PDB file of N, CA and C in Angstrom:
ATOM      1  N   MET A   1       0.906  -1.013  -0.003  1.00  0.00           N
ATOM      2  CA  MET A   1       0.079  -0.036  -0.092  1.00  0.00           C
ATOM      3  C   MET A   1       1.110   1.102   0.184  1.00  0.00           C
ATOM      4  N   GLU A   2       0.900   1.694  -1.347  1.00  0.00           N
ATOM      5  CA  GLU A   2       1.802   2.967  -1.433  1.00  0.00           C
ATOM      6  C   GLU A   2       1.088   4.222  -0.384  1.00  0.00           C
ATOM      7  N   GLY A   3       2.237   5.055  -0.010  1.00  0.00           N
ATOM      8  CA  GLY A   3       1.934   6.153   0.445  1.00  0.00           C
ATOM      9  C   GLY A   3       1.723   6.042   2.100  1.00  0.00           C
ATOM     10  N   THR A   4       1.920   5.105   2.520  1.00  0.00           N
ATOM     11  CA  THR A   4       1.398   5.184   3.847  1.00  0.00           C
ATOM     12  C   THR A   4       2.666   5.749   4.919  1.00  0.00           C
ATOM     13  N   SER A   5       2.128   6.512   6.053  1.00  0.00           N
ATOM     14  CA  SER A   5       3.287   7.218   6.719  1.00  0.00           C
ATOM     15  C   SER A   5       3.141   6.532   8.370  1.00  0.00           C
ATOM     16  N   LEU A   6       4.163   6.718   8.938  1.00  0.00           N
ATOM     17  CA  LEU A   6       4.424   6.289  10.331  1.00  0.00           C
ATOM     18  C   LEU A   6       3.348   7.157  11.141  1.00  0.00           C
ATOM     19  N   ILE A   7       2.681   6.526  12.072  1.00  0.00           N
ATOM     20  CA  ILE A   7       2.072   6.803  13.045  1.00  0.00           C
ATOM     21  C   ILE A   7       2.665   7.086  14.246  1.00  0.00           C
ATOM     22  N   GLN A   8       2.826   8.134  14.944  1.00  0.00           N
ATOM     23  CA  GLN A   8       3.522   8.161  16.278  1.00  0.00           C
ATOM     24  C   GLN A   8       2.711   9.016  17.244  1.00  0.00           C
ATOM     25  N   PHE A   9       3.161   8.856  18.316  1.00  0.00           N
ATOM     26  CA  PHE A   9       2.144   9.203  19.551  1.00  0.00           C
ATOM     27  C   PHE A   9       3.124   9.788  20.414  1.00  0.00           C
ATOM     28  N   LYS A  10       3.098  11.184  21.015  1.00  0.00           N
ATOM     29  CA  LYS A  10       3.918  11.582  22.073  1.00  0.00           C
ATOM     30  C   LYS A  10       3.316  11.061  23.335  1.00  0.00           C
ATOM     31  N   ARG A  11       4.367  10.917  24.319  1.00  0.00           N
ATOM     32  CA  ARG A  11       3.795  10.550  25.481  1.00  0.00           C
ATOM     33  C   ARG A  11       2.895  11.452  26.286  1.00  0.00           C
ATOM     34  N   THR A  12       2.918  12.804  26.223  1.00  0.00           N
ATOM     35  CA  THR A  12       1.966  13.605  26.569  1.00  0.00           C
ATOM     36  C   THR A  12       0.772  13.222  26.072  1.00  0.00           C
ATOM     37  N   GLU A  13       0.517  12.904  25.018  1.00  0.00           N
ATOM     38  CA  GLU A  13      -0.636  12.780  24.209  1.00  0.00           C
ATOM     39  C   GLU A  13      -1.316  11.492  25.079  1.00  0.00           C
ATOM     40  N   LYS A  14      -0.770  10.652  25.472  1.00  0.00           N
ATOM     41  CA  LYS A  14      -1.168   9.635  26.090  1.00  0.00           C
ATOM     42  C   LYS A  14      -1.640   9.721  27.429  1.00  0.00           C
ATOM     43  N   SER A  15      -1.136  10.783  28.319  1.00  0.00           N
ATOM     44  CA  SER A  15      -1.122  10.957  29.868  1.00  0.00           C
ATOM     45  C   SER A  15      -2.767  11.396  29.990  1.00  0.00           C
ATOM     46  N   GLY A  16      -3.015  10.810  31.076  1.00  0.00           N
ATOM     47  CA  GLY A  16      -4.402  10.878  31.413  1.00  0.00           C
ATOM     48  C   GLY A  16      -5.401  10.043  31.051  1.00  0.00           C
ATOM     49  N   SER A  17      -4.890   9.049  29.835  1.00  0.00           N
ATOM     50  CA  SER A  17      -5.661   7.958  29.517  1.00  0.00           C
ATOM     51  C   SER A  17      -5.981   7.004  30.496  1.00  0.00           C
ATOM     52  N   LYS A  18      -6.933   7.001  30.775  1.00  0.00           N
ATOM     53  CA  LYS A  18      -7.796   5.864  31.948  1.00  0.00           C
ATOM     54  C   LYS A  18      -8.091   4.364  31.361  1.00  0.00           C
ATOM     55  N   THR A  19      -8.171   4.343  30.163  1.00  0.00           N
ATOM     56  CA  THR A  19      -8.551   2.999  29.603  1.00  0.00           C
ATOM     57  C   THR A  19      -7.607   2.237  29.304  1.00  0.00           C
ATOM     58  N   HIS A  20      -7.647   0.923  29.451  1.00  0.00           N
ATOM     59  CA  HIS A  20      -6.417   0.136  29.164  1.00  0.00           C
ATOM     60  C   HIS A  20      -7.258  -0.768  28.057  1.00  0.00           C
ATOM     61  N   HIS A  21      -6.314  -0.910  26.756  1.00  0.00           N
ATOM     62  CA  HIS A  21      -6.339  -2.084  25.860  1.00  0.00           C
ATOM     63  C   HIS A  21      -7.739  -1.679  25.265  1.00  0.00           C
ATOM     64  N   ASN A  22      -8.249  -0.565  25.101  1.00  0.00           N
ATOM     65  CA  ASN A  22      -9.322  -0.143  24.512  1.00  0.00           C
ATOM     66  C   ASN A  22      -9.255   1.210  23.634  1.00  0.00           C
ATOM     67  N   ASP A  23      -7.738   1.348  23.234  1.00  0.00           N
ATOM     68  CA  ASP A  23      -7.272   2.628  22.583  1.00  0.00           C
ATOM     69  C   ASP A  23      -7.633   2.357  21.040  1.00  0.00           C
ATOM     70  N   ALA A  24      -8.062   3.584  20.464  1.00  0.00           N
ATOM     71  CA  ALA A  24      -8.627   3.588  18.870  1.00  0.00           C
ATOM     72  C   ALA A  24      -7.126   3.551  17.792  1.00  0.00           C
ATOM     73  N   LEU A  25      -7.107   2.912  17.202  1.00  0.00           N
ATOM     74  CA  LEU A  25      -6.285   2.600  16.011  1.00  0.00           C
ATOM     75  C   LEU A  25      -6.470   2.994  14.500  1.00  0.00           C
ATOM     76  N   VAL A  26      -5.632   3.601  14.071  1.00  0.00           N
ATOM     77  CA  VAL A  26      -5.813   3.947  12.798  1.00  0.00           C
ATOM     78  C   VAL A  26      -4.968   2.945  11.744  1.00  0.00           C
ATOM     79  N   ILE A  27      -5.464   2.355  10.558  1.00  0.00           N
ATOM     80  CA  ILE A  27      -4.810   1.474   9.849  1.00  0.00           C
ATOM     81  C   ILE A  27      -5.486   1.854   8.320  1.00  0.00           C
ATOM     82  N   THR A  28      -4.708   1.269   7.545  1.00  0.00           N
ATOM     83  CA  THR A  28      -5.164   1.144   6.071  1.00  0.00           C
ATOM     84  C   THR A  28      -5.372  -0.195   5.624  1.00  0.00           C
ATOM     85  N   ALA A  29      -6.171  -0.527   5.068  1.00  0.00           N
ATOM     86  CA  ALA A  29      -6.685  -1.893   4.411  1.00  0.00           C
ATOM     87  C   ALA A  29      -7.642  -1.871   3.330  1.00  0.00           C
ATOM     88  N   LEU A  30      -7.952  -3.143   2.794  1.00  0.00           N
ATOM     89  CA  LEU A  30      -8.953  -3.376   1.509  1.00  0.00           C
ATOM     90  C   LEU A  30     -10.218  -3.418   2.312  1.00  0.00           C
ATOM     91  N   LEU A  31     -11.152  -2.532   1.621  1.00  0.00           N
ATOM     92  CA  LEU A  31     -12.227  -2.807   2.085  1.00  0.00           C
ATOM     93  C   LEU A  31     -13.076  -2.735   0.687  1.00  0.00           C
ATOM     94  N   GLY A  32     -13.819  -3.726   0.511  1.00  0.00           N
ATOM     95  CA  GLY A  32     -14.607  -4.018  -0.916  1.00  0.00           C
ATOM     96  C   GLY A  32     -13.539  -3.820  -2.049  1.00  0.00           C
ATOM     97  N   ASN A  33     -12.423  -4.502  -1.895  1.00  0.00           N
ATOM     98  CA  ASN A  33     -11.656  -4.415  -3.251  1.00  0.00           C
ATOM     99  C   ASN A  33     -10.805  -2.840  -3.453  1.00  0.00           C
ATOM    100  N   TYR A  34     -11.478  -2.102  -2.329  1.00  0.00           N
ATOM    101  CA  TYR A  34     -10.605  -0.733  -2.550  1.00  0.00           C
ATOM    102  C   TYR A  34      -9.789  -0.357  -1.198  1.00  0.00           C
ATOM    103  N   GLU A  35      -8.566   0.170  -1.556  1.00  0.00           N
ATOM    104  CA  GLU A  35      -7.990   0.692  -0.532  1.00  0.00           C
ATOM    105  C   GLU A  35      -7.890   1.897   0.121  1.00  0.00           C
ATOM    106  N   VAL A  36      -8.252   1.430   1.403  1.00  0.00           N
ATOM    107  CA  VAL A  36      -8.782   2.843   2.275  1.00  0.00           C
ATOM    108  C   VAL A  36      -8.017   2.979   3.195  1.00  0.00           C
ATOM    109  N   GLY A  37      -7.591   4.219   3.194  1.00  0.00           N
ATOM    110  CA  GLY A  37      -6.410   4.903   4.243  1.00  0.00           C
ATOM    111  C   GLY A  37      -7.019   5.536   5.425  1.00  0.00           C
ATOM    112  N   ARG A  38      -6.498   5.780   6.579  1.00  0.00           N
ATOM    113  CA  ARG A  38      -6.804   6.186   7.881  1.00  0.00           C
ATOM    114  C   ARG A  38      -8.346   5.597   8.171  1.00  0.00           C
ATOM    115  N   ILE A  39      -8.337   4.377   8.237  1.00  0.00           N
ATOM    116  CA  ILE A  39      -9.492   3.715   8.844  1.00  0.00           C
ATOM    117  C   ILE A  39      -9.431   3.985  10.365  1.00  0.00           C
ATOM    118  N   PHE A  40     -10.286   4.321  11.226  1.00  0.00           N
ATOM    119  CA  PHE A  40     -10.187   4.837  12.501  1.00  0.00           C
ATOM    120  C   PHE A  40     -10.920   3.621  13.274  1.00  0.00           C
ATOM    121  N   ILE A  41     -10.295   2.790  13.669  1.00  0.00           N
ATOM    122  CA  ILE A  41     -11.224   1.817  14.450  1.00  0.00           C
ATOM    123  C   ILE A  41     -11.172   2.132  16.039  1.00  0.00           C
ATOM    124  N   ASP A  42     -12.392   2.162  16.406  1.00  0.00           N
ATOM    125  CA  ASP A  42     -12.574   2.441  17.974  1.00  0.00           C
ATOM    126  C   ASP A  42     -13.201   1.407  18.268  1.00  0.00           C
ATOM    127  N   PHE A  43     -12.829   0.443  19.295  1.00  0.00           N
ATOM    128  CA  PHE A  43     -13.516  -0.546  19.943  1.00  0.00           C
ATOM    129  C   PHE A  43     -14.358  -0.151  20.971  1.00  0.00           C
ATOM    130  N   GLY A  44     -14.803   0.874  21.361  1.00  0.00           N
ATOM    131  CA  GLY A  44     -15.660   1.614  22.387  1.00  0.00           C
ATOM    132  C   GLY A  44     -17.073   2.141  21.601  1.00  0.00           C
ATOM    133  N   SER A  45     -16.446   2.014  20.112  1.00  0.00           N
ATOM    134  CA  SER A  45     -17.762   2.568  19.265  1.00  0.00           C
ATOM    135  C   SER A  45     -19.156   1.705  19.098  1.00  0.00           C
ATOM    136  N   SER A  46     -20.334   2.396  19.224  1.00  0.00           N
ATOM    137  CA  SER A  46     -21.638   1.512  19.096  1.00  0.00           C
ATOM    138  C   SER A  46     -21.847   1.372  17.492  1.00  0.00           C
ATOM    139  N   THR A  47     -21.237   2.032  16.576  1.00  0.00           N
ATOM    140  CA  THR A  47     -21.586   2.121  15.459  1.00  0.00           C
ATOM    141  C   THR A  47     -20.236   2.235  14.354  1.00  0.00           C
ATOM    142  N   ASP A  48     -20.154   1.654  12.990  1.00  0.00           N
ATOM    143  CA  ASP A  48     -19.275   1.671  12.173  1.00  0.00           C
ATOM    144  C   ASP A  48     -19.966   2.836  10.872  1.00  0.00           C
ATOM    145  N   ILE A  49     -18.988   3.850  10.906  1.00  0.00           N
ATOM    146  CA  ILE A  49     -19.521   4.982   9.727  1.00  0.00           C
ATOM    147  C   ILE A  49     -18.494   4.733   8.494  1.00  0.00           C
ATOM    148  N   LEU A  50     -19.499   4.661   7.319  1.00  0.00           N
ATOM    149  CA  LEU A  50     -18.560   4.943   6.158  1.00  0.00           C
ATOM    150  C   LEU A  50     -18.980   6.301   5.426  1.00  0.00           C
ATOM    151  N   PHE A  51     -18.121   7.166   5.412  1.00  0.00           N
ATOM    152  CA  PHE A  51     -18.851   8.468   4.938  1.00  0.00           C
ATOM    153  C   PHE A  51     -19.112   8.292   3.591  1.00  0.00           C
ATOM    154  N   TRP A  52     -20.105   9.206   3.250  1.00  0.00           N
ATOM    155  CA  TRP A  52     -20.925   9.169   1.619  1.00  0.00           C
ATOM    156  C   TRP A  52     -19.822   9.256   0.724  1.00  0.00           C
ATOM    157  N   GLU A  53     -18.644  10.438   1.119  1.00  0.00           N
ATOM    158  CA  GLU A  53     -17.873  10.712   0.331  1.00  0.00           C
ATOM    159  C   GLU A  53     -17.091   9.509  -0.232  1.00  0.00           C
ATOM    160  N   ALA A  54     -16.367   8.650   0.796  1.00  0.00           N
ATOM    161  CA  ALA A  54     -15.463   7.366   0.947  1.00  0.00           C
ATOM    162  C   ALA A  54     -16.429   6.447   0.035  1.00  0.00           C
ATOM    163  N   TYR A  55     -18.036   6.258   0.296  1.00  0.00           N
ATOM    164  CA  TYR A  55     -18.634   5.342  -0.241  1.00  0.00           C
ATOM    165  C   TYR A  55     -18.655   5.723  -2.027  1.00  0.00           C
ATOM    166  N   ASP A  56     -18.866   6.699  -2.087  1.00  0.00           N
ATOM    167  CA  ASP A  56     -18.902   7.428  -3.564  1.00  0.00           C
ATOM    168  C   ASP A  56     -17.582   7.053  -4.371  1.00  0.00           C
ATOM    169  N   GLN A  57     -16.556   7.315  -3.988  1.00  0.00           N
ATOM    170  CA  GLN A  57     -15.088   7.130  -4.437  1.00  0.00           C
ATOM    171  C   GLN A  57     -14.929   5.665  -4.482  1.00  0.00           C
ATOM    172  N   MET A  58     -15.659   4.914  -3.790  1.00  0.00           N
ATOM    173  CA  MET A  58     -15.379   3.207  -3.930  1.00  0.00           C
ATOM    174  C   MET A  58     -16.273   2.701  -4.991  1.00  0.00           C
ATOM    175  N   GLN A  59     -17.158   3.682  -5.630  1.00  0.00           N
ATOM    176  CA  GLN A  59     -17.988   3.031  -6.656  1.00  0.00           C
ATOM    177  C   GLN A  59     -18.552   1.944  -6.244  1.00  0.00           C
ATOM    178  N   LEU A  60     -19.328   1.775  -5.336  1.00  0.00           N
ATOM    179  CA  LEU A  60     -20.014   0.654  -4.876  1.00  0.00           C
ATOM    180  C   LEU A  60     -21.555   0.767  -5.308  1.00  0.00           C
ATOM    181  N   GLY A  61     -22.176   1.570  -6.250  1.00  0.00           N
ATOM    182  CA  GLY A  61     -23.245   1.621  -6.813  1.00  0.00           C
ATOM    183  C   GLY A  61     -23.915   0.152  -7.130  1.00  0.00           C
ATOM    184  N   ASP A  62     -22.930  -0.875  -7.498  1.00  0.00           N
ATOM    185  CA  ASP A  62     -23.684  -2.016  -7.796  1.00  0.00           C
ATOM    186  C   ASP A  62     -24.246  -2.631  -6.631  1.00  0.00           C
ATOM    187  N   ILE A  63     -23.523  -2.514  -5.253  1.00  0.00           N
ATOM    188  CA  ILE A  63     -24.504  -3.092  -4.339  1.00  0.00           C
ATOM    189  C   ILE A  63     -25.147  -2.273  -3.584  1.00  0.00           C
ATOM    190  N   PRO A  64     -26.280  -2.502  -3.791  1.00  0.00           N
ATOM    191  CA  PRO A  64     -27.384  -1.571  -3.079  1.00  0.00           C
ATOM    192  C   PRO A  64     -27.230  -1.507  -1.412  1.00  0.00           C
ATOM    193  N   LEU A  65     -27.796  -0.258  -0.992  1.00  0.00           N
ATOM    194  CA  LEU A  65     -27.652   0.035   0.481  1.00  0.00           C
ATOM    195  C   LEU A  65     -29.170  -0.694   0.919  1.00  0.00           C
ATOM    196  N   GLU A  66     -29.015  -1.240   2.116  1.00  0.00           N
ATOM    197  CA  GLU A  66     -30.125  -1.632   2.753  1.00  0.00           C
ATOM    198  C   GLU A  66     -30.749  -0.643   3.523  1.00  0.00           C
ATOM    199  N   LYS A  67     -31.984  -0.288   3.622  1.00  0.00           N
ATOM    200  CA  LYS A  67     -32.682   0.787   4.335  1.00  0.00           C
ATOM    201  C   LYS A  67     -32.638   0.351   5.563  1.00  0.00           C
ATOM    202  N   VAL A  68     -32.577   1.534   6.464  1.00  0.00           N
ATOM    203  CA  VAL A  68     -32.448   1.423   7.909  1.00  0.00           C
ATOM    204  C   VAL A  68     -33.678   2.362   8.548  1.00  0.00           C
ATOM    205  N   ASN A  69     -33.926   2.070   9.484  1.00  0.00           N
ATOM    206  CA  ASN A  69     -35.025   2.902  10.079  1.00  0.00           C
ATOM    207  C   ASN A  69     -34.694   3.545  11.731  1.00  0.00           C
ATOM    208  N   THR A  70     -33.407   4.144  11.484  1.00  0.00           N
ATOM    209  CA  THR A  70     -32.731   4.491  12.942  1.00  0.00           C
ATOM    210  C   THR A  70     -32.059   5.832  12.586  1.00  0.00           C
ATOM    211  N   SER A  71     -31.980   6.494  13.672  1.00  0.00           N
ATOM    212  CA  SER A  71     -31.257   8.040  13.490  1.00  0.00           C
ATOM    213  C   SER A  71     -29.952   7.669  14.678  1.00  0.00           C
ATOM    214  N   LEU A  72     -28.951   8.416  14.140  1.00  0.00           N
ATOM    215  CA  LEU A  72     -27.772   8.452  14.714  1.00  0.00           C
ATOM    216  C   LEU A  72     -27.837   9.993  15.655  1.00  0.00           C
ATOM    217  N   TYR A  73     -26.962  10.130  16.771  1.00  0.00           N
ATOM    218  CA  TYR A  73     -27.059  11.358  17.629  1.00  0.00           C
ATOM    219  C   TYR A  73     -25.542  11.612  17.469  1.00  0.00           C
ATOM    220  N   GLY A  74     -25.405  12.608  17.236  1.00  0.00           N
ATOM    221  CA  GLY A  74     -23.937  13.349  17.462  1.00  0.00           C
ATOM    222  C   GLY A  74     -23.737  13.677  18.878  1.00  0.00           C
ATOM    223  N   PHE A  75     -22.301  14.103  18.960  1.00  0.00           N
ATOM    224  CA  PHE A  75     -21.882  14.429  20.448  1.00  0.00           C
ATOM    225  C   PHE A  75     -22.606  15.491  20.628  1.00  0.00           C
ATOM    226  N   THR A  76     -22.896  16.578  19.772  1.00  0.00           N
ATOM    227  CA  THR A  76     -23.506  17.979  20.065  1.00  0.00           C
ATOM    228  C   THR A  76     -25.099  17.936  20.189  1.00  0.00           C
ATOM    229  N   GLY A  77     -25.572  16.338  19.538  1.00  0.00           N
ATOM    230  CA  GLY A  77     -27.094  16.322  19.737  1.00  0.00           C
ATOM    231  C   GLY A  77     -27.662  16.386  18.318  1.00  0.00           C
ATOM    232  N   GLU A  78     -26.832  16.555  17.569  1.00  0.00           N
ATOM    233  CA  GLU A  78     -27.507  16.709  16.325  1.00  0.00           C
ATOM    234  C   GLU A  78     -27.747  15.462  15.722  1.00  0.00           C
ATOM    235  N   ILE A  79     -28.994  15.151  14.784  1.00  0.00           N
ATOM    236  CA  ILE A  79     -29.530  14.083  14.399  1.00  0.00           C
ATOM    237  C   ILE A  79     -29.194  13.604  13.122  1.00  0.00           C
ATOM    238  N   ILE A  80     -28.613  12.666  12.662  1.00  0.00           N
ATOM    239  CA  ILE A  80     -28.028  12.253  11.686  1.00  0.00           C
ATOM    240  C   ILE A  80     -29.055  10.751  11.076  1.00  0.00           C
ATOM    241  N   HIS A  81     -29.402  10.961   9.939  1.00  0.00           N
ATOM    242  CA  HIS A  81     -30.356  10.054   9.166  1.00  0.00           C
ATOM    243  C   HIS A  81     -29.251   9.498   8.281  1.00  0.00           C
ATOM    244  N   PRO A  82     -29.099   8.113   8.618  1.00  0.00           N
ATOM    245  CA  PRO A  82     -28.354   7.138   7.735  1.00  0.00           C
ATOM    246  C   PRO A  82     -28.834   6.970   6.358  1.00  0.00           C
ATOM    247  N   ARG A  83     -28.094   7.078   5.341  1.00  0.00           N
ATOM    248  CA  ARG A  83     -28.438   6.732   3.819  1.00  0.00           C
ATOM    249  C   ARG A  83     -28.854   5.283   3.651  1.00  0.00           C
ATOM    250  N   GLY A  84     -28.348   4.419   4.549  1.00  0.00           N
ATOM    251  CA  GLY A  84     -28.558   2.888   4.406  1.00  0.00           C
ATOM    252  C   GLY A  84     -27.467   2.175   5.204  1.00  0.00           C
ATOM    253  N   MET A  85     -27.510   1.008   4.944  1.00  0.00           N
ATOM    254  CA  MET A  85     -26.492   0.272   5.902  1.00  0.00           C
ATOM    255  C   MET A  85     -25.824  -0.680   4.283  1.00  0.00           C
ATOM    256  N   ILE A  86     -24.580  -1.150   4.491  1.00  0.00           N
ATOM    257  CA  ILE A  86     -23.933  -2.135   3.573  1.00  0.00           C
ATOM    258  C   ILE A  86     -22.781  -2.813   4.173  1.00  0.00           C
ATOM    259  N   SER A  87     -22.624  -4.161   3.786  1.00  0.00           N
ATOM    260  CA  SER A  87     -21.737  -5.182   4.397  1.00  0.00           C
ATOM    261  C   SER A  87     -20.768  -5.384   3.379  1.00  0.00           C
ATOM    262  N   LEU A  88     -19.458  -4.779   3.661  1.00  0.00           N
ATOM    263  CA  LEU A  88     -18.603  -5.081   2.957  1.00  0.00           C
ATOM    264  C   LEU A  88     -17.576  -6.137   3.353  1.00  0.00           C
ATOM    265  N   PHE A  89     -16.712  -6.767   2.547  1.00  0.00           N
ATOM    266  CA  PHE A  89     -15.408  -7.531   2.951  1.00  0.00           C
ATOM    267  C   PHE A  89     -14.278  -6.863   3.192  1.00  0.00           C
ATOM    268  N   LEU A  90     -13.766  -6.951   4.411  1.00  0.00           N
ATOM    269  CA  LEU A  90     -12.279  -6.547   4.873  1.00  0.00           C
ATOM    270  C   LEU A  90     -11.458  -7.306   4.854  1.00  0.00           C
ATOM    271  N   MET A  91     -10.381  -6.741   4.420  1.00  0.00           N
ATOM    272  CA  MET A  91      -8.986  -8.041   4.177  1.00  0.00           C
ATOM    273  C   MET A  91      -8.066  -7.158   4.862  1.00  0.00           C
ATOM    274  N   LEU A  92      -7.246  -7.953   6.107  1.00  0.00           N
ATOM    275  CA  LEU A  92      -6.112  -7.306   6.596  1.00  0.00           C
ATOM    276  C   LEU A  92      -5.206  -8.206   6.677  1.00  0.00           C
ATOM    277  N   GLY A  93      -3.969  -7.962   6.827  1.00  0.00           N
ATOM    278  CA  GLY A  93      -2.777  -8.682   6.728  1.00  0.00           C
ATOM    279  C   GLY A  93      -1.310  -7.972   6.409  1.00  0.00           C
ATOM    280  N   THR A  94      -0.480  -8.489   6.335  1.00  0.00           N
ATOM    281  CA  THR A  94       0.843  -7.975   5.840  1.00  0.00           C
ATOM    282  C   THR A  94       1.114  -7.552   4.351  1.00  0.00           C
ATOM    283  N   HIS A  95       1.875  -6.515   4.242  1.00  0.00           N
ATOM    284  CA  HIS A  95       2.065  -5.995   2.739  1.00  0.00           C
ATOM    285  C   HIS A  95       3.507  -6.003   2.621  1.00  0.00           C
ATOM    286  N   SER A  96       3.972  -6.691   1.633  1.00  0.00           N
ATOM    287  CA  SER A  96       5.320  -6.307   0.910  1.00  0.00           C
ATOM    288  C   SER A  96       5.345  -5.401  -0.118  1.00  0.00           C
ATOM    289  N   PRO A  97       6.405  -4.536   0.066  1.00  0.00           N
ATOM    290  CA  PRO A  97       6.437  -3.458  -1.160  1.00  0.00           C
ATOM    291  C   PRO A  97       7.134  -4.061  -2.192  1.00  0.00           C
TER     292      PRO A  97
END
């Protein structure tokens, strides 16, 4: 996967963290046969979100979205209505240049 960069955290950025082994992770992976960079994995999250711009760039129009009858609530209380739901194949592993 070309163009990947090293992700580093300073000790000061970790100070004050009270959770153990539940930290967020940022990865690059193949998702639906499309290389997606900066996938934010948060094990404490209750939902997985693929932003519409990413969905559009992946050209998944031949895979229909399933309808959902739910709303999501943002940190500031805003209500978000998902356009739909999709299940995609996710491939993880090692990569040799």
